[in-house]
Amino acid sequence: MDNNKEKTENIDLILKQTWISVQKMYSDLAQEYDSTAVQALTLLKIDPKEGTRSTNLGPKMAIEPTSLTRIIKLLEDNGYIYKEKTTTDKREVIIKLTDKGLNSRNMSKEVVVNFNKKVMEKITPEKLEIFKEVMSEIMKISNDLNNRK
C-alpha cells in the first residue's frame, strides 16, 4: 500500500517538474522578444487568416475570461492584434492579427514545431503514443476527481 502511495506522489511530481521545465523553456524564449509564453500561446490560437472570436479563445487556451481580457488588451496595446466587430452581431468581436502579430505568431509556431521535432527525434513513435494514452488517462482521472466536488 505504501509503495502505491509513493508512486502516486511521484506521478504528481514528474508531471509538475516536466511542465515547469517546458514552461520555463517557452518563457525564456518569449522573454528574448519582450513577450511572455501566454502571449505567444494566444497568438498561436488566433486563426491567421480569418481571426478568432474572442469568446472562442478562452476555451482553446484553458484560461479564465478575466486573464484573457488582460492578455488581449496587452496584445492590442502593443500592436499584435486588433478587434473587429462581426457583421451579424455587433456585440461579438473577432480578434485578428496585425502584421507584427503574424510575424510573432510565426516565430512562436517555429519554436513549438522545433521543440516537437526534438522530442520526436529522441522518443520513438510507439513511446509517444503510450505517453499520449497515459496522459489522457491521467487527465480523465483528474477530471473525474474534480467533478466529484
Protein backbone atom coordinates (compact mmCIF):
# COMPACT_ATOMS: atom_id res chain seq x y z
CA MET A 1 0.00 0.00 0.00
CA ASP A 2 2.76 2.48 0.91
CA ASN A 3 4.57 1.62 -2.32
CA ASN A 4 1.45 2.53 -4.33
CA LYS A 5 1.13 5.88 -2.48
CA GLU A 6 4.75 6.69 -3.26
CA LYS A 7 4.14 6.06 -6.97
CA THR A 8 1.15 8.43 -6.94
CA GLU A 9 3.26 11.18 -5.41
CA ASN A 10 5.96 10.54 -7.98
CA ILE A 11 3.45 10.91 -10.81
CA ASP A 12 2.39 14.30 -9.48
CA LEU A 13 6.00 15.37 -9.09
CA ILE A 14 7.02 14.16 -12.56
CA LEU A 15 4.08 15.98 -14.17
CA LYS A 16 4.83 19.19 -12.29
CA GLN A 17 8.59 19.13 -12.87
CA THR A 18 8.16 18.40 -16.56
CA TRP A 19 5.58 21.13 -17.08
CA ILE A 20 7.69 23.66 -15.14
CA SER A 21 10.70 22.81 -17.31
CA VAL A 22 8.74 23.17 -20.57
CA GLN A 23 7.08 26.35 -19.34
CA LYS A 24 10.47 27.82 -18.36
CA MET A 25 11.87 26.98 -21.80
CA TYR A 26 8.96 28.76 -23.53
CA SER A 27 9.05 31.70 -21.10
CA ASP A 28 12.79 32.21 -21.54
CA LEU A 29 12.44 32.15 -25.33
CA ALA A 30 9.48 34.55 -25.26
CA GLN A 31 11.36 36.91 -22.95
CA GLU A 32 14.08 37.30 -25.60
CA TYR A 33 11.38 39.01 -27.70
CA ASP A 34 9.92 41.09 -24.83
CA SER A 35 6.92 38.78 -24.66
CA THR A 36 5.53 36.02 -22.49
CA ALA A 37 4.70 32.40 -23.20
CA VAL A 38 0.99 33.14 -22.61
CA GLN A 39 1.06 35.97 -25.15
CA ALA A 40 2.76 33.66 -27.67
CA LEU A 41 0.17 30.94 -26.99
CA THR A 42 -2.62 33.47 -27.53
CA LEU A 43 -1.19 34.47 -30.90
CA LEU A 44 -0.93 30.78 -31.86
CA LYS A 45 -4.61 30.25 -31.08
CA ILE A 46 -5.74 33.09 -33.37
CA ASP A 47 -6.54 31.96 -36.90
CA PRO A 48 -4.03 33.85 -39.07
CA LYS A 49 -6.43 34.30 -42.00
CA GLU A 50 -9.93 34.65 -40.54
CA GLY A 51 -9.19 35.73 -36.98
CA THR A 52 -10.86 34.09 -33.98
CA ARG A 53 -13.94 35.08 -31.99
CA SER A 54 -12.87 36.36 -28.60
CA THR A 55 -15.36 34.00 -26.93
CA ASN A 56 -13.60 31.02 -28.52
CA LEU A 57 -10.10 31.92 -27.33
CA GLY A 58 -10.58 31.19 -23.61
CA PRO A 59 -11.67 27.57 -24.06
CA LYS A 60 -8.90 26.98 -26.63
CA MET A 61 -6.33 28.13 -24.09
CA ALA A 62 -7.95 26.81 -20.90
CA ILE A 63 -7.75 30.17 -19.14
CA GLU A 64 -10.26 32.33 -17.33
CA PRO A 65 -12.02 35.19 -19.19
CA THR A 66 -10.55 37.88 -16.90
CA SER A 67 -7.00 36.69 -17.59
CA LEU A 68 -7.74 36.50 -21.30
CA THR A 69 -9.12 40.05 -21.29
CA ARG A 70 -5.84 41.34 -19.84
CA ILE A 71 -3.76 39.40 -22.38
CA ILE A 72 -5.89 40.63 -25.29
CA LYS A 73 -5.63 44.24 -24.08
CA LEU A 74 -1.84 43.95 -23.76
CA LEU A 75 -1.50 42.38 -27.23
CA GLU A 76 -3.73 45.09 -28.70
CA ASP A 77 -1.84 47.89 -26.92
CA ASN A 78 1.46 46.50 -28.25
CA GLY A 79 0.18 46.28 -31.83
CA TYR A 80 -0.02 42.48 -32.22
CA ILE A 81 -3.78 42.25 -32.69
CA TYR A 82 -6.84 44.34 -33.41
CA LYS A 83 -10.53 43.79 -32.75
CA GLU A 84 -13.20 43.74 -35.41
CA LYS A 85 -16.94 43.58 -34.77
CA THR A 86 -18.81 40.86 -36.64
CA THR A 87 -21.32 41.84 -39.28
CA THR A 88 -24.02 39.60 -37.81
CA ASP A 89 -23.81 40.58 -34.13
CA LYS A 90 -22.20 43.90 -33.23
CA ARG A 91 -21.58 42.67 -29.65
CA GLU A 92 -19.36 39.87 -30.91
CA VAL A 93 -15.70 40.61 -31.57
CA ILE A 94 -13.21 38.84 -33.81
CA ILE A 95 -9.56 39.08 -32.81
CA LYS A 96 -7.29 39.49 -35.83
CA LEU A 97 -3.53 39.57 -36.17
CA THR A 98 -1.64 42.63 -37.37
CA ASP A 99 1.49 42.11 -39.49
CA LYS A 100 3.53 42.38 -36.29
CA GLY A 101 1.27 39.79 -34.64
CA LEU A 102 1.52 37.44 -37.62
CA ASN A 103 5.33 37.67 -37.56
CA SER A 104 5.39 36.97 -33.84
CA ARG A 105 2.91 34.10 -34.30
CA ASN A 106 5.14 32.57 -36.97
CA MET A 107 8.17 32.78 -34.66
CA SER A 108 6.17 31.18 -31.85
CA LYS A 109 4.98 28.42 -34.16
CA GLU A 110 8.56 27.74 -35.21
CA VAL A 111 9.61 27.37 -31.56
CA VAL A 112 6.80 24.90 -30.87
CA VAL A 113 7.49 22.92 -34.05
CA ASN A 114 11.21 22.74 -33.25
CA PHE A 115 10.52 21.55 -29.71
CA ASN A 116 8.18 18.86 -31.02
CA LYS A 117 10.76 17.79 -33.61
CA LYS A 118 13.43 17.44 -30.91
CA VAL A 119 11.08 15.33 -28.80
CA MET A 120 10.22 13.12 -31.79
CA GLU A 121 13.93 12.69 -32.60
CA LYS A 122 14.60 11.33 -29.12
CA ILE A 123 11.43 9.36 -28.41
CA THR A 124 10.07 6.58 -30.60
CA PRO A 125 6.57 6.89 -32.09
CA GLU A 126 5.46 3.89 -30.01
CA LYS A 127 6.59 5.54 -26.77
CA LEU A 128 4.94 8.82 -27.77
CA GLU A 129 1.67 7.01 -28.42
CA ILE A 130 1.85 5.36 -25.00
CA PHE A 131 2.68 8.75 -23.45
CA LYS A 132 -0.41 10.30 -25.07
CA GLU A 133 -2.61 7.45 -23.87
CA VAL A 134 -1.24 7.68 -20.31
CA MET A 135 -1.64 11.47 -20.20
CA SER A 136 -5.19 11.13 -21.50
CA GLU A 137 -5.98 8.65 -18.74
CA ILE A 138 -4.41 10.88 -16.08
CA MET A 139 -6.49 13.82 -17.35
CA LYS A 140 -9.66 11.69 -17.20
CA ILE A 141 -8.85 10.65 -13.63
CA SER A 142 -8.21 14.22 -12.52
CA ASN A 143 -11.36 15.45 -14.30
CA ASP A 144 -13.40 12.72 -12.60
CA LEU A 145 -12.00 13.75 -9.22
CA ASN A 146 -12.69 17.43 -9.99
CA ASN A 147 -16.27 16.65 -10.96
CA ARG A 148 -16.92 14.92 -7.64
CA LYS A 149 -16.83 18.25 -5.76
